């Protein structure tokens, strides 16, 4: 039987492999899909902030350089968002 866990954010019961591993191999609180959605929303909020726009452009340029150096692979292993 595989281990399952309920994500408190979306309320769905998912297999343990749908949660990121944290330090000391503990499972994160939220599932990968919820964490990606939260990170995407946070990036969108920062993009709307004019003061942080140039900083985000610099981060995006660094990500693009990293992807090119890895041969087009996404270094995080997740969606290229």
Protein backbone atom coordinates (compact mmCIF):
# COMPACT_ATOMS: atom_id res chain seq x y z
CA UNK A 1 0.00 0.00 0.00
CA UNK A 2 1.37 3.40 -0.94
CA UNK A 3 1.47 6.25 1.52
CA UNK A 4 -1.11 8.98 0.96
CA UNK A 5 -1.51 12.45 2.39
CA UNK A 6 -4.19 15.15 2.27
CA UNK A 7 -3.17 18.57 1.00
CA UNK A 8 -4.68 21.19 3.32
CA UNK A 9 -4.82 23.80 0.55
CA UNK A 10 -6.75 21.89 -2.14
CA UNK A 11 -8.21 19.23 0.18
CA UNK A 12 -7.36 16.34 -2.15
CA UNK A 13 -5.84 13.08 -0.94
CA UNK A 14 -2.75 12.35 -3.04
CA UNK A 15 0.10 9.83 -3.04
CA UNK A 16 3.17 10.82 -1.04
CA UNK A 17 5.23 11.19 -4.22
CA UNK A 18 3.06 14.20 -5.13
CA UNK A 19 4.61 16.15 -2.22
CA UNK A 20 8.10 17.65 -2.21
CA UNK A 21 10.66 16.26 0.23
CA UNK A 22 12.05 18.74 2.72
CA UNK A 23 15.01 18.53 5.05
CA UNK A 24 15.45 15.22 6.77
CA UNK A 25 13.17 13.66 4.13
CA UNK A 26 9.94 15.00 5.63
CA UNK A 27 7.08 15.65 3.25
CA UNK A 28 6.06 19.25 2.62
CA UNK A 29 2.66 20.41 3.85
CA UNK A 30 1.21 21.24 0.43
CA UNK A 31 1.19 19.18 -2.77
CA UNK A 32 3.41 20.10 -5.70
CA UNK A 33 0.51 21.50 -7.73
CA UNK A 34 -0.55 23.85 -4.93
CA UNK A 35 3.02 25.00 -4.33
CA UNK A 36 3.55 25.70 -8.04
CA UNK A 37 0.27 27.65 -8.18
CA UNK A 38 1.27 29.70 -5.12
CA UNK A 39 4.70 30.44 -6.59
CA UNK A 40 3.10 31.45 -9.90
CA UNK A 41 0.69 33.82 -8.09
CA UNK A 42 3.54 35.34 -6.10
CA UNK A 43 5.54 35.96 -9.29
CA UNK A 44 2.50 37.58 -10.87
CA UNK A 45 2.07 39.89 -7.86
CA UNK A 46 5.74 40.87 -8.04
CA UNK A 47 5.46 41.53 -11.77
CA UNK A 48 2.69 44.05 -11.06
CA UNK A 49 4.97 45.90 -8.65
CA UNK A 50 6.88 48.43 -10.74
CA UNK A 51 9.81 48.60 -8.32
CA UNK A 52 10.45 44.85 -8.51
CA UNK A 53 10.03 44.61 -12.30
CA UNK A 54 13.73 45.06 -13.12
CA UNK A 55 14.75 42.56 -10.47
CA UNK A 56 12.38 39.97 -11.98
CA UNK A 57 13.76 40.63 -15.44
CA UNK A 58 17.23 39.91 -14.08
CA UNK A 59 16.00 36.66 -12.53
CA UNK A 60 14.33 35.67 -15.82
CA UNK A 61 17.55 36.38 -17.72
CA UNK A 62 19.49 34.23 -15.26
CA UNK A 63 16.96 31.40 -15.69
CA UNK A 64 17.27 31.61 -19.46
CA UNK A 65 21.07 31.48 -19.25
CA UNK A 66 20.84 28.48 -16.92
CA UNK A 67 18.44 26.66 -19.28
CA UNK A 68 20.73 27.33 -22.24
CA UNK A 69 23.70 26.03 -20.27
CA UNK A 70 21.78 22.85 -19.39
CA UNK A 71 20.79 22.27 -22.99
CA UNK A 72 17.16 23.37 -22.66
CA UNK A 73 16.33 21.33 -19.57
CA UNK A 74 14.38 22.96 -16.73
CA UNK A 75 16.77 22.99 -13.70
CA UNK A 76 13.95 22.80 -11.16
CA UNK A 77 12.49 19.65 -12.65
CA UNK A 78 9.00 21.19 -12.73
CA UNK A 79 7.00 23.26 -15.16
CA UNK A 80 8.82 25.99 -16.97
CA UNK A 81 6.72 28.87 -15.71
